[in-house]
Amino acid sequence: MLWPHPERKAPAYSVAEETVEALFRTCEVRLGRFLAQMVGNRALAEDLLQDSFFGAFGCRDQLGGIESPGAWLFGIARNRALAALRRRQRFRSALDHLRRHRLAHCSRGSGAWPV
């Protein structure tokens, strides 16, 4: 067993880490609903929720100067959701392009993909 090692103490949490943890407990349900409404997919919303908290934890040293940590966290989540929606749109556009290319190629008589 690697942890806890008998000669080591558990790492102490900083105030910022405790603040992010409290923020998670306070905002988790509302933020999950917000993301699900934004992206229209519960599984993606859960991934974005986790990613948002991971991002917030990575920036926890900035929490001291933030007036509204809840709004800050919702901003992180919103930005991550918008990025995911843009990725999904780019993927769909590329897929549509491939489908149109395939249909145009097939209508010329060849059933095989061009090399």
Foldseek 3Di string as FASTA:
>chain_A
DVPPDPVDDDDDDDPLRVVLVVLCVVCVVVQLVVLCVLQVDNVVSVVLSVVLSVVCNVVSVCVVPDPDVNVVSSVSSVVSSVVVVVVVVVVVVVVVVVVVVQVVVVVVPDNDDDD
